[in-house]
Each structure stands twice: as C-alpha cells, then as structure tokens.
Amino acid sequence: MTILCITGTGTDIGKTIATAAIAGLLRSCGRHVVVVKPAQTGFPGTGNVLGRGGDLDDVARLTGVGDLHGFARYPEPMAPLAAARRAGLPPLRLADAAEGIRALDGPDRTVLVEGAGGLLVRLGSDPTEGDGATNDGATREWGLPELSAELPGAKTVVVTSLGLGSLNTAELTVEVARGRGMDVIGLVGGSLPEGDDPIVATNLEDLPHLTGTDVLGCVPAGSGALERDEFLAAAPGWFTESGRSALVG
C-alpha cells in the first residue's frame, strides 16, 4: 500500500499530466491505481462527479483509470478555499479528506493525491475551538502539507517547470515541503520542450544537487494531447530507471 502526494512548484506546470504519467507507469507494472483530487476548482458540481471537466477527467481520458475520487468542486478557477468562500459553499475539512483517502488505501495499490496549484495553496479549512472571546469563529486553513501529515507513510513528488526560474521555485518548494515533514522522493519535469534548450539542459543537471532530490523523469510538452494508447505506451519511458524504481517501489 502506498500513498503518493503530487504537488507542484506553481500552477499550469503540467501537474495533472504528470499525475497521469505516473498512473500509466504504475499500471504498466501491474499496480492498481487510485487517483484523488481532494478539491477541484473551475467547474460546477460537487463531489466525485466525472464528465464535467477537470483534472480527474483528464487522468481518466489519458489512462483509463476508473478509480477516481474528488471530495469538493467549486465553480471559479482559483485556490479551493477562496473559491469555496466566494461561492458560499462549505470548505473541505481536513479530517474528511484524510479519512476519505485513508479508506481508499490498501494492499497492492497506489493512491495518487494531486494537490491544487503550488505546495502551499489552501485546500480547505477547519473551525477551531473558540474560547468564548477572541477566538470565536476562527478557522485553521490547511493545504497539502497538513493533509500529508494525516496520511501515514505518504511520500511526495514535486512537479517542476524546467525553464528560466525553475531552479529557485523547485528548491523553495522542496525545502518548504521537507520543513513541514513531507517525505519528498523526487522531482518530475512537467513539460519538457522539444529540441535543445541550454537553460533546460542546465537546469536538469543542477536540480538534483540544489534540491537534494533526484529528477525521476520528464513528461514531454504536448503529452496531454496524445490518444490513450499512445500515452500509456510512452509514459513508462519518460521516467529514468531509478525514477521507475522510486515510484513503483
């Protein structure tokens, strides 16, 4: 049994396609894969609903994985907690998300938990106990680090951009993740451009020693437009041998 949290150095860096690629790799090794998106924004509807757009639908389209779960959906495309507040909908509670994910874990399976945007994006909030005076109505906001802490044995993969500025954001993300107790096992390049790019090549060389963790693989740019058979055939080859070993276990 394995729970793998997948976070990113920012938004729109290919985190969902990287999640699908990891799912494809795991399926090629005979693992049962479960994919969880605790909170989805930018689409109407609530709960574990597919066919209305969103990251879970992209994973299903690319991989055929059918064991997909979401706990909250909000209409506006922004951080989940802000989207919940603006829509007048209840925020996702940490205990509910953690309990839901733990219930999906089991022998001979891997549960992939995809965050929203970057590492510290707030996914939900919980009310705190008031003292009858200043703390009444106070809440505790939480994100993927707090959720990971409620998932015993969970590991983390950081999806990073590869162009200019990526070294800084990757190092910051890994440092903060580890500082908050997350077990970071590696990086995945979220959108590897075609051709020779000296910035990308240099970043790939520098990322391991700057972040203290290996680059497990890179997903080529445009992979999200592939047909399912093409995607599944190619995905295992996007990871290094050591990356495949780290992810499959």
Protein backbone atom coordinates (compact mmCIF):
# COMPACT_ATOMS: atom_id res chain seq x y z
CA MET A 1 0.00 0.00 0.00
CA THR A 2 1.33 3.44 -0.94
CA ILE A 3 0.04 6.99 -0.85
CA LEU A 4 1.84 9.42 -3.12
CA CYS A 5 1.12 13.14 -2.86
CA ILE A 6 1.79 15.06 -6.06
CA THR A 7 2.40 18.77 -5.73
CA GLY A 8 3.91 21.41 -7.96
CA THR A 9 6.10 24.49 -7.94
CA GLY A 10 3.17 26.53 -9.24
CA THR A 11 0.07 26.37 -11.38
CA ASP A 12 -0.12 25.33 -15.06
CA ILE A 13 3.17 23.43 -15.00
CA GLY A 14 1.80 20.04 -16.07
CA LYS A 15 0.97 18.53 -12.68
CA THR A 16 -2.14 16.70 -13.86
CA ILE A 17 -0.43 15.23 -16.95
CA ALA A 18 2.48 14.18 -14.73
CA THR A 19 -0.04 12.52 -12.39
CA ALA A 20 -1.49 10.67 -15.38
CA ALA A 21 2.00 9.64 -16.48
CA ILE A 22 2.79 8.23 -13.03
CA ALA A 23 -0.54 6.40 -13.11
CA GLY A 24 0.37 4.97 -16.52
CA LEU A 25 3.75 3.81 -15.24
CA LEU A 26 2.18 2.13 -12.24
CA ARG A 27 -0.45 0.39 -14.36
CA SER A 28 2.26 -0.94 -16.68
CA CYS A 29 3.80 -2.58 -13.61
CA GLY A 30 0.53 -4.23 -12.63
CA ARG A 31 -0.35 -1.87 -9.80
CA HIS A 32 -3.94 -0.91 -9.04
CA VAL A 33 -4.06 2.88 -9.19
CA VAL A 34 -6.44 5.21 -7.34
CA VAL A 35 -6.38 8.92 -8.15
CA VAL A 36 -7.72 11.55 -5.75
CA LYS A 37 -8.21 15.26 -6.40
CA PRO A 38 -9.37 16.48 -3.00
CA ALA A 39 -10.63 19.82 -4.29
CA GLN A 40 -11.28 20.81 -7.92
CA THR A 41 -11.98 24.38 -8.96
CA GLY A 42 -13.16 25.97 -12.17
CA PHE A 43 -16.07 23.60 -12.78
CA PRO A 44 -19.60 23.36 -11.40
CA GLY A 45 -20.95 20.47 -9.39
CA THR A 46 -19.83 18.84 -6.18
CA GLY A 47 -18.22 15.64 -5.01
CA ASN A 48 -16.96 12.71 -7.03
CA VAL A 49 -18.51 13.70 -10.37
CA LEU A 50 -16.81 12.96 -13.68
CA GLY A 51 -17.72 14.12 -17.15
CA ARG A 52 -17.96 17.79 -16.18
CA GLY A 53 -14.40 18.76 -16.88
CA GLY A 54 -11.47 18.87 -14.51
CA ASP A 55 -8.26 17.08 -13.68
CA LEU A 56 -9.83 13.72 -12.86
CA ASP A 57 -11.45 13.65 -16.29
CA ASP A 58 -8.06 14.33 -17.90
CA VAL A 59 -6.50 11.44 -15.99
CA ALA A 60 -9.36 9.15 -16.99
CA ARG A 61 -9.09 10.17 -20.65
CA LEU A 62 -5.34 9.57 -20.82
CA THR A 63 -5.03 6.43 -18.72
CA GLY A 64 -8.37 4.67 -18.46
CA VAL A 65 -8.03 4.65 -14.66
CA GLY A 66 -11.55 4.43 -13.31
CA ASP A 67 -10.91 4.54 -9.56
CA LEU A 68 -11.13 8.33 -9.29
CA HIS A 69 -12.28 10.40 -6.33
CA GLY A 70 -12.94 14.04 -5.56
CA PHE A 71 -14.34 15.49 -2.38
CA ALA A 72 -15.21 19.07 -3.35
CA ARG A 73 -15.77 21.10 -6.52
CA TYR A 74 -16.12 24.86 -6.81
CA PRO A 75 -17.12 26.90 -9.87
CA GLU A 76 -14.44 29.59 -10.07
CA PRO A 77 -10.85 28.78 -11.18
CA MET A 78 -8.88 29.83 -8.12
CA ALA A 79 -7.49 28.39 -4.90
CA PRO A 80 -10.08 25.98 -3.43
CA LEU A 81 -10.55 27.78 -0.14
CA ALA A 82 -11.06 31.13 -1.86
CA ALA A 83 -13.39 29.51 -4.41
CA ALA A 84 -15.46 27.96 -1.63
CA ARG A 85 -15.75 31.28 0.16
CA ARG A 86 -16.81 33.17 -2.98
CA ALA A 87 -19.37 30.50 -3.91
CA GLY A 88 -20.83 30.39 -0.42
CA LEU A 89 -20.05 26.69 -0.22
CA PRO A 90 -18.59 24.83 2.76
CA PRO A 91 -14.81 24.41 2.65
CA LEU A 92 -13.32 20.95 2.61
CA ARG A 93 -12.40 19.76 6.09
CA LEU A 94 -9.05 18.15 6.72
CA ALA A 95 -10.41 15.20 8.67
CA ASP A 96 -12.92 14.39 5.93
CA ALA A 97 -10.27 14.50 3.19
CA ALA A 98 -7.77 12.43 5.18
CA GLU A 99 -10.37 9.85 6.19
CA GLY A 100 -11.56 9.55 2.60
CA ILE A 101 -8.03 8.96 1.30
CA ARG A 102 -7.07 6.50 4.04
CA ALA A 103 -10.20 4.49 3.23
CA LEU A 104 -9.01 4.13 -0.38
CA ASP A 105 -5.60 2.77 0.56
CA GLY A 106 -4.98 -0.95 0.68
CA PRO A 107 -2.67 -3.79 -0.34
CA ASP A 108 -1.21 -3.88 -3.85
CA ARG A 109 -2.41 -0.41 -4.77
CA THR A 110 -1.09 3.12 -5.03
CA VAL A 111 -3.20 6.15 -4.19
CA LEU A 112 -2.14 9.30 -6.05
CA VAL A 113 -3.26 12.51 -4.34
CA GLU A 114 -2.98 15.55 -6.58
CA GLY A 115 -2.89 18.94 -4.91
CA ALA A 116 -4.03 22.24 -6.38
CA GLY A 117 -1.55 24.74 -7.81
CA GLY A 118 1.60 25.07 -5.72
CA LEU A 119 2.51 23.42 -2.45
CA LEU A 120 1.00 25.96 -0.05
CA VAL A 121 -2.31 26.56 -1.81
CA ARG A 122 -5.08 26.22 0.77
CA LEU A 123 -7.40 23.31 0.04
CA GLY A 124 -9.80 23.85 2.91
CA SER A 125 -10.26 24.97 6.49
CA ASP A 126 -11.47 23.65 9.81
CA PRO A 127 -13.18 25.55 12.62
CA THR A 128 -11.12 25.92 15.77
CA GLU A 129 -12.41 25.80 19.31
CA GLY A 130 -13.46 29.23 20.46
CA ASP A 131 -12.66 30.48 23.94
CA GLY A 132 -15.84 32.48 24.24
CA ALA A 133 -14.00 35.69 23.43
CA THR A 134 -11.38 36.42 20.77
CA ASN A 135 -11.29 33.01 19.06
CA ASP A 136 -14.97 32.54 18.28
CA GLY A 137 -15.43 31.71 14.61
CA ALA A 138 -11.69 31.23 13.99
CA THR A 139 -10.58 28.67 11.42
CA ARG A 140 -7.46 26.69 10.66
CA GLU A 141 -6.56 26.76 6.98
CA TRP A 142 -4.81 23.73 5.53
CA GLY A 143 -3.10 22.54 2.38
CA LEU A 144 -1.25 19.51 1.08
CA PRO A 145 1.45 19.50 3.82
CA GLU A 146 -1.20 19.23 6.54
CA LEU A 147 -3.07 16.57 4.59
CA SER A 148 0.13 14.56 4.07
CA ALA A 149 0.73 14.61 7.83
CA GLU A 150 -2.61 12.81 8.28
CA LEU A 151 -1.62 10.05 5.81
CA PRO A 152 0.85 7.69 7.50
CA GLY A 153 3.74 6.74 5.25
CA ALA A 154 2.77 9.14 2.46
CA LYS A 155 5.51 10.18 0.06
CA THR A 156 5.68 13.30 -2.12
CA VAL A 157 6.66 14.06 -5.70
CA VAL A 158 7.22 17.66 -6.79
CA VAL A 159 6.34 18.52 -10.39
CA THR A 160 8.53 21.37 -11.60
CA SER A 161 8.81 23.62 -14.59
CA LEU A 162 12.12 23.35 -16.45
CA GLY A 163 12.68 26.78 -17.95
CA LEU A 164 14.12 30.01 -16.60
CA GLY A 165 13.40 30.48 -12.90
CA SER A 166 12.75 26.81 -12.24
CA LEU A 167 15.77 26.24 -10.00
CA ASN A 168 14.57 28.77 -7.47
CA THR A 169 10.96 27.60 -7.33
CA ALA A 170 11.95 23.92 -7.18
CA GLU A 171 14.44 24.46 -4.39
CA LEU A 172 12.00 26.57 -2.41
CA THR A 173 9.22 24.02 -2.82
CA VAL A 174 11.32 21.04 -1.78
CA GLU A 175 12.80 22.93 1.18
CA VAL A 176 9.40 24.00 2.49
CA ALA A 177 7.87 20.57 1.89
CA ARG A 178 10.61 18.86 3.87
CA GLY A 179 10.46 21.54 6.53
CA ARG A 180 6.81 20.68 7.01
CA GLY A 181 7.52 16.99 7.37
CA MET A 182 6.81 15.74 3.86
CA ASP A 183 8.89 12.84 2.51
CA VAL A 184 9.97 14.16 -0.90
CA ILE A 185 11.22 11.30 -3.07
CA GLY A 186 11.91 13.21 -6.28
CA LEU A 187 11.08 15.73 -8.96
CA VAL A 188 9.25 15.31 -12.25
CA GLY A 189 9.68 17.76 -15.10
CA GLY A 190 6.17 18.83 -16.01
CA SER A 191 6.62 19.91 -19.62
CA LEU A 192 9.87 19.07 -21.38
CA PRO A 193 10.18 21.13 -24.58
CA GLU A 194 11.36 19.65 -27.85
CA GLY A 195 14.83 20.43 -29.13
CA ASP A 196 18.00 21.54 -27.40
CA ASP A 197 17.43 24.27 -24.85
CA PRO A 198 20.57 25.15 -22.88
CA ILE A 199 18.53 26.52 -19.96
CA VAL A 200 16.52 23.32 -19.65
CA ALA A 201 19.62 21.13 -20.01
CA THR A 202 21.49 23.10 -17.36
CA ASN A 203 18.51 23.07 -15.01
CA LEU A 204 18.19 19.30 -15.30
CA GLU A 205 21.85 18.99 -14.32
CA ASP A 206 21.53 21.41 -11.40
CA LEU A 207 18.18 20.41 -9.91
CA PRO A 208 19.39 17.29 -8.05
CA HIS A 209 22.21 18.92 -6.11
CA LEU A 210 20.31 22.16 -5.44
CA THR A 211 17.17 20.42 -4.15
CA GLY A 212 18.80 17.32 -2.72
CA THR A 213 16.47 15.03 -4.64
CA ASP A 214 16.59 13.26 -8.00
CA VAL A 215 14.76 14.08 -11.19
CA LEU A 216 12.65 10.94 -11.63
CA GLY A 217 11.63 11.76 -15.18
CA CYS A 218 10.22 14.39 -17.52
CA VAL A 219 6.89 14.50 -19.34
CA PRO A 220 7.26 15.89 -22.88
CA ALA A 221 5.33 19.04 -23.71
CA GLY A 222 2.09 18.27 -25.50
CA SER A 223 1.70 14.80 -24.00
CA GLY A 224 -1.77 15.67 -22.78
CA ALA A 225 -2.97 15.75 -26.39
CA LEU A 226 -1.98 12.13 -27.07
CA GLU A 227 -4.51 9.37 -27.56
CA ARG A 228 -4.78 6.97 -24.65
CA ASP A 229 -2.92 4.08 -26.28
CA GLU A 230 -0.06 6.39 -27.28
CA PHE A 231 0.10 7.95 -23.84
CA LEU A 232 0.16 4.63 -22.00
CA ALA A 233 2.78 3.18 -24.35
CA ALA A 234 5.05 6.18 -23.93
CA ALA A 235 4.62 7.03 -20.24
CA PRO A 236 6.97 4.41 -18.72
CA GLY A 237 9.79 5.66 -20.96
CA TRP A 238 9.51 9.19 -19.61
CA PHE A 239 11.00 8.06 -16.29
CA THR A 240 14.55 7.05 -15.51
CA GLU A 241 15.32 3.58 -14.26
CA SER A 242 15.86 4.91 -10.75
CA GLY A 243 12.71 7.01 -11.11
CA ARG A 244 10.65 3.98 -12.03
CA SER A 245 12.07 2.13 -9.03
CA ALA A 246 11.28 5.02 -6.65
CA LEU A 247 7.71 5.38 -7.91
CA VAL A 248 6.78 1.73 -8.20
CA GLY A 249 8.55 0.68 -5.00
